Amino acid sequence: MKRVLTGVGLSMLLFLPARAQILVAGEGPVVYGHHHLNTTNMDAQKKFYADTLGGVVTKIGSGDRQQEIVKFPNVLIFFRPMQAPTGGSIGTTVNHIGFSVPDLKPLVAKIKANGFKMITTDSVAANVKVTDDIAAASPTTNLAFALGPEDVKIEFVEVKSQKAPIQLHHIHFFGPMNTEMQAWYAKTFGATMLRANPGSAFVQDQLPGVFLNFTPTTEPTVGTTGRSIDHIGFEIKNLEAFTKKLEEQGIKLDRPYTKVPQLGIAIAFIKDPWGTNIEMTEGLADVK
């Protein structure tokens, strides 16, 4: 099957037990839910996200519909197997996804030992010091960047006080209209617009459990559909009313509100004005 785990397909596959990892689901009407990747190599995906980064592989569905996802605290990673992406995440509106870890050194060593490419030097400004593929972005912030399977760019942020070995940290959007993007996500999903630090290279919104970062770029970007990160996903309470509100605001639904009675899950799709493919779910956080 080439088109699985999208829209109703995602919902209908959730039949086997899979303990949800959206730990902040009760902290607001909108939280982040999942990344959805196109892939032709599930073995490489599992080697990277599970064996290397420490996510948990869970089988969902049954028979010829059975698929695998990888769980991290506050984000589930879904895959569309046997679907070749039209390109990596770099160059799209979702340039990369971010995780936080308490200690970068052992993770970076493991990423390299497992045969994956570090791209830290290429991803930070020329004046930022990089040592052993770890960038000292500030006196208190260390970063690293890697390239996952099918050229998904991943950022890792060191948060020394963090108790979990790894968890969702941010989604990083690129585009010429980054402040307009920031305002759109704040208005559409109720994210909090954060005050930018002096000299910051990007602006931020915040939702429970995730930062939404927006970097300005002079290079053109394209939407995510078909690329290695095909779409991003938000988990939303009272999704039906939420979609009606979006339509009242003039936002077109690419897939209307669809209810799946068997599981109490509902889904809908929209795109942001710059082409980011967005799935909205209700009930994904309750799947056990």
Protein backbone atom coordinates (compact mmCIF):
# COMPACT_ATOMS: atom_id res chain seq x y z
CA MET A 1 0.00 0.00 0.00
CA LYS A 2 1.46 3.34 -0.99
CA ARG A 3 -1.03 5.68 0.61
CA VAL A 4 -1.49 4.77 4.22
CA LEU A 5 -1.50 6.59 7.53
CA THR A 6 -2.95 9.80 6.09
CA GLY A 7 -6.33 11.28 6.89
CA VAL A 8 -8.83 8.55 7.67
CA GLY A 9 -6.09 6.01 7.00
CA LEU A 10 -4.17 7.25 10.04
CA SER A 11 -7.22 6.97 12.22
CA MET A 12 -8.35 3.58 10.98
CA LEU A 13 -4.97 2.00 11.65
CA LEU A 14 -5.02 2.66 15.37
CA PHE A 15 -6.52 -0.68 16.41
CA LEU A 16 -3.70 -2.33 18.36
CA PRO A 17 -2.62 -1.04 21.77
CA ALA A 18 -0.23 1.89 21.55
CA ARG A 19 0.30 3.94 24.68
CA ALA A 20 0.07 7.57 23.68
CA GLN A 21 3.00 9.83 24.43
CA ILE A 22 1.31 13.25 24.12
CA LEU A 23 1.97 14.00 27.77
CA VAL A 24 0.82 17.64 27.59
CA ALA A 25 -2.54 16.84 26.01
CA GLY A 26 -4.48 18.19 28.99
CA GLU A 27 -2.60 21.48 29.14
CA GLY A 28 -4.48 23.32 26.42
CA PRO A 29 -7.09 23.10 23.67
CA VAL A 30 -4.31 22.73 21.05
CA VAL A 31 -1.07 20.79 21.50
CA TYR A 32 1.36 19.27 19.07
CA GLY A 33 0.61 15.67 18.04
CA HIS A 34 2.70 14.08 15.32
CA HIS A 35 5.17 14.29 12.45
CA HIS A 36 4.32 12.31 9.32
CA LEU A 37 7.18 11.22 7.07
CA ASN A 38 7.34 9.76 3.57
CA THR A 39 9.83 6.91 3.32
CA THR A 40 11.10 4.06 1.19
CA ASN A 41 13.27 2.56 3.94
CA MET A 42 11.59 1.69 7.22
CA ASP A 43 14.68 -0.17 8.44
CA ALA A 44 16.69 3.05 8.21
CA GLN A 45 13.91 5.02 9.90
CA LYS A 46 13.81 2.61 12.84
CA LYS A 47 17.61 2.54 13.07
CA PHE A 48 17.65 6.33 13.34
CA TYR A 49 14.59 7.21 15.41
CA ALA A 50 14.52 4.12 17.65
CA ASP A 51 17.96 2.50 17.80
CA THR A 52 19.88 5.79 17.69
CA LEU A 53 17.62 8.42 19.23
CA GLY A 54 15.78 6.16 21.67
CA GLY A 55 12.19 6.32 20.42
CA VAL A 56 9.87 3.37 20.98
CA VAL A 57 8.61 1.39 17.98
CA THR A 58 4.95 0.37 18.18
CA LYS A 59 3.00 -1.71 15.69
CA ILE A 60 -0.50 -0.50 14.89
CA GLY A 61 -3.18 -1.89 12.66
CA SER A 62 -3.59 -5.50 11.59
CA GLY A 63 -3.06 -7.73 8.55
CA ASP A 64 -1.92 -5.89 5.44
CA ARG A 65 -2.73 -2.60 7.18
CA GLN A 66 -0.26 -3.13 10.00
CA GLN A 67 2.27 -0.33 10.24
CA GLU A 68 4.84 0.93 12.66
CA ILE A 69 5.19 4.29 14.39
CA VAL A 70 7.89 5.62 16.70
CA LYS A 71 6.91 7.27 19.98
CA PHE A 72 8.72 10.04 21.82
CA PRO A 73 7.45 12.13 24.74
CA ASN A 74 5.00 14.67 23.24
CA VAL A 75 5.26 13.51 19.64
CA LEU A 76 4.40 10.43 17.58
CA ILE A 77 6.20 9.83 14.29
CA PHE A 78 4.06 8.26 11.57
CA PHE A 79 5.38 6.97 8.26
CA ARG A 80 3.97 6.50 4.79
CA PRO A 81 5.97 3.42 3.75
CA MET A 82 6.98 2.82 0.13
CA GLN A 83 6.32 6.48 -0.69
CA ALA A 84 9.45 8.09 -2.12
CA PRO A 85 9.71 11.71 -0.98
CA THR A 86 10.18 14.34 -3.66
CA GLY A 87 12.97 15.90 -1.59
CA GLY A 88 14.27 16.43 1.92
CA SER A 89 13.00 18.86 4.53
CA ILE A 90 15.57 21.56 3.72
CA GLY A 91 14.03 23.98 1.26
CA THR A 92 10.50 23.46 2.55
CA THR A 93 8.52 25.57 4.99
CA VAL A 94 9.32 23.00 7.70
CA ASN A 95 13.10 23.10 7.47
CA HIS A 96 13.65 20.82 10.44
CA ILE A 97 12.23 19.28 13.58
CA GLY A 98 13.84 19.56 16.99
CA PHE A 99 14.38 17.35 20.03
CA SER A 100 15.91 18.22 23.39
CA VAL A 101 18.30 16.00 25.36
CA PRO A 102 20.12 16.46 28.67
CA ASP A 103 23.57 15.69 27.20
CA LEU A 104 24.56 16.08 23.55
CA LYS A 105 27.96 14.37 23.59
CA PRO A 106 26.84 10.73 23.90
CA LEU A 107 23.99 11.27 21.43
CA VAL A 108 26.22 12.85 18.80
CA ALA A 109 28.72 10.03 19.22
CA LYS A 110 25.96 7.47 18.72
CA ILE A 111 24.55 9.24 15.66
CA LYS A 112 27.98 9.13 14.02
CA ALA A 113 28.71 5.57 15.13
CA ASN A 114 25.45 4.42 13.54
CA GLY A 115 26.43 5.94 10.21
CA PHE A 116 24.32 9.09 10.12
CA LYS A 117 25.66 12.48 9.05
CA MET A 118 26.17 15.43 11.37
CA ILE A 119 25.57 18.81 9.68
CA THR A 120 26.11 21.17 12.61
CA THR A 121 28.81 23.28 10.95
CA ASP A 122 26.63 23.78 7.86
CA SER A 123 23.62 24.75 9.99
CA VAL A 124 24.96 27.51 12.23
CA ALA A 125 26.42 30.94 11.54
CA ALA A 126 30.09 31.10 10.61
CA ASN A 127 30.96 32.90 13.86
CA VAL A 128 29.53 30.12 16.06
CA LYS A 129 32.17 27.81 17.52
CA VAL A 130 31.64 24.14 16.67
CA THR A 131 33.58 21.45 18.51
CA ASP A 132 33.07 17.75 17.75
CA ASP A 133 29.86 18.60 15.86
CA ILE A 134 28.37 20.49 18.81
CA ALA A 135 27.78 24.23 18.47
CA ALA A 136 28.08 26.65 21.37
CA ALA A 137 25.17 28.85 20.30
CA SER A 138 25.45 30.85 23.53
CA PRO A 139 27.20 30.48 26.89
CA THR A 140 24.24 28.42 28.08
CA THR A 141 22.97 26.75 24.90
CA ASN A 142 24.58 23.91 22.95
CA LEU A 143 23.10 22.64 19.68
CA ALA A 144 23.76 19.89 17.16
CA PHE A 145 22.25 19.06 13.78
CA ALA A 146 21.99 15.73 11.97
CA LEU A 147 20.54 14.48 8.72
CA GLY A 148 18.14 11.58 9.21
CA PRO A 149 16.92 9.09 6.61
CA GLU A 150 15.62 10.63 3.40
CA ASP A 151 17.22 13.94 4.32
CA VAL A 152 15.07 14.97 7.25
CA LYS A 153 17.01 17.66 9.09
CA ILE A 154 16.98 17.25 12.88
CA GLU A 155 18.14 19.71 15.52
CA PHE A 156 19.11 18.65 19.04
CA VAL A 157 19.05 21.18 21.88
CA GLU A 158 20.88 20.45 25.13
CA VAL A 159 18.67 21.03 28.18
CA LYS A 160 20.74 19.86 31.13
CA SER A 161 17.84 19.97 33.60
CA GLN A 162 15.65 17.71 31.45
CA LYS A 163 14.69 14.40 33.08
CA ALA A 164 13.60 12.53 29.94
CA PRO A 165 16.48 11.21 27.79
CA ILE A 166 14.88 12.81 24.70
CA GLN A 167 11.64 14.63 23.93
CA LEU A 168 10.01 16.97 21.43
CA HIS A 169 11.42 20.49 21.55
CA HIS A 170 10.41 22.48 18.45
CA ILE A 171 9.27 22.69 14.85
CA HIS A 172 11.36 25.11 12.79
CA PHE A 173 9.70 26.94 9.91
CA PHE A 174 11.63 28.87 7.26
CA GLY A 175 10.22 31.51 4.91
CA PRO A 176 10.54 35.07 3.66
CA MET A 177 7.50 36.08 5.74
CA ASN A 178 8.53 34.64 9.08
CA THR A 179 6.79 37.22 11.26
CA GLU A 180 3.58 36.74 9.27
CA MET A 181 3.97 32.99 9.85
CA GLN A 182 4.39 33.56 13.56
CA ALA A 183 1.21 35.67 13.65
CA TRP A 184 -0.76 33.15 11.58
CA TYR A 185 0.04 30.21 13.89
CA ALA A 186 -0.71 32.32 16.94
CA LYS A 187 -4.09 33.37 15.54
CA THR A 188 -5.03 30.00 14.03
CA PHE A 189 -3.95 27.64 16.81
CA GLY A 190 -3.90 29.96 19.81
CA ALA A 191 -0.14 29.77 20.26
CA THR A 192 1.53 32.32 22.49
CA MET A 193 3.79 34.76 20.64
CA LEU A 194 7.06 35.07 22.55
CA ARG A 195 9.13 38.21 22.74
CA ALA A 196 12.26 37.81 20.64
CA ASN A 197 15.62 37.95 22.40
CA PRO A 198 17.94 40.72 21.16
CA GLY A 199 19.96 39.42 18.22
CA SER A 200 17.84 36.29 17.84
CA ALA A 201 17.85 34.75 14.36
CA PHE A 202 14.18 33.79 14.59
CA VAL A 203 10.87 34.54 16.28
CA GLN A 204 8.85 32.04 18.31
CA ASP A 205 5.39 30.89 19.26
CA GLN A 206 4.74 28.41 22.04
CA LEU A 207 2.16 25.70 22.59
CA PRO A 208 2.19 23.19 25.46
CA GLY A 209 5.24 20.98 24.99
CA VAL A 210 6.59 22.62 21.83
CA PHE A 211 8.10 25.80 20.44
CA LEU A 212 7.24 26.94 16.92
CA ASN A 213 10.30 28.74 15.52
CA PHE A 214 10.19 30.97 12.42
CA THR A 215 13.38 31.97 10.60
CA PRO A 216 13.45 34.54 7.79
CA THR A 217 15.08 33.46 4.56
CA THR A 218 15.73 35.12 1.24
CA GLU A 219 15.62 31.74 -0.48
CA PRO A 220 12.22 30.57 -1.78
CA THR A 221 10.59 27.71 0.09
CA VAL A 222 8.04 25.13 -1.01
CA GLY A 223 5.21 23.39 0.82
CA THR A 224 5.68 20.10 2.59
CA THR A 225 3.29 17.81 0.69
CA GLY A 226 5.25 14.96 -0.87
CA ARG A 227 8.54 15.87 0.81
CA SER A 228 10.28 13.83 3.49
CA ILE A 229 8.27 15.65 6.18
CA ASP A 230 4.91 15.40 4.44
CA HIS A 231 2.88 17.07 7.16
CA ILE A 232 2.81 18.15 10.76
CA GLY A 233 -0.02 17.45 13.17
CA PHE A 234 -1.86 19.21 15.98
CA GLU A 235 -4.11 17.50 18.53
CA ILE A 236 -7.20 19.64 19.14
CA LYS A 237 -10.07 19.49 21.61
CA ASN A 238 -13.54 19.86 20.05
CA LEU A 239 -12.14 19.62 16.55
CA GLU A 240 -15.50 19.93 14.80
CA ALA A 241 -16.18 23.35 16.30
CA PHE A 242 -12.57 24.30 15.63
CA THR A 243 -12.87 23.48 11.92
CA LYS A 244 -16.09 25.48 11.66
CA LYS A 245 -14.28 28.44 13.18
CA LEU A 246 -11.47 28.05 10.63
CA GLU A 247 -13.97 28.09 7.77
CA GLU A 248 -15.60 31.22 9.21
CA GLN A 249 -12.14 32.80 9.10
CA GLY A 250 -11.84 31.90 5.43
CA ILE A 251 -9.44 28.98 5.88
CA LYS A 252 -10.18 26.18 3.40
CA LEU A 253 -10.32 22.61 4.66
CA ASP A 254 -8.41 20.26 2.39
CA ARG A 255 -10.15 17.37 4.17
CA PRO A 256 -13.27 18.20 6.15
CA TYR A 257 -13.94 17.10 9.69
CA THR A 258 -14.21 13.31 9.62
CA LYS A 259 -15.27 11.24 12.61
CA VAL A 260 -14.17 7.65 13.21
CA PRO A 261 -16.77 6.21 15.66
CA GLN A 262 -14.83 2.99 16.32
CA LEU A 263 -12.15 4.88 18.20
CA GLY A 264 -13.67 8.27 18.90
CA ILE A 265 -11.02 9.88 16.70
CA ALA A 266 -11.64 12.74 14.31
CA ILE A 267 -9.35 14.34 11.73
CA ALA A 268 -9.20 17.26 9.31
CA PHE A 269 -6.55 18.80 7.03
CA ILE A 270 -5.61 22.36 6.11
CA LYS A 271 -2.57 24.11 4.64
CA ASP A 272 -1.03 27.27 5.99
CA PRO A 273 -0.71 30.19 3.51
CA TRP A 274 2.84 29.10 2.63
CA GLY A 275 2.03 25.47 1.81
CA THR A 276 2.69 23.61 5.04
CA ASN A 277 0.44 20.53 5.10
CA ILE A 278 -1.27 20.29 8.51
CA GLU A 279 -3.32 17.48 9.97
CA MET A 280 -5.57 18.16 12.93
CA THR A 281 -6.65 15.27 15.15
CA GLU A 282 -8.94 14.77 18.11
CA GLY A 283 -8.55 11.68 20.25
CA LEU A 284 -5.04 10.70 19.18
CA ALA A 285 -3.78 11.59 22.65
CA ASP A 286 -6.28 9.16 24.22
CA VAL A 287 -5.22 6.08 22.29
CA LYS A 288 -3.66 3.59 24.70
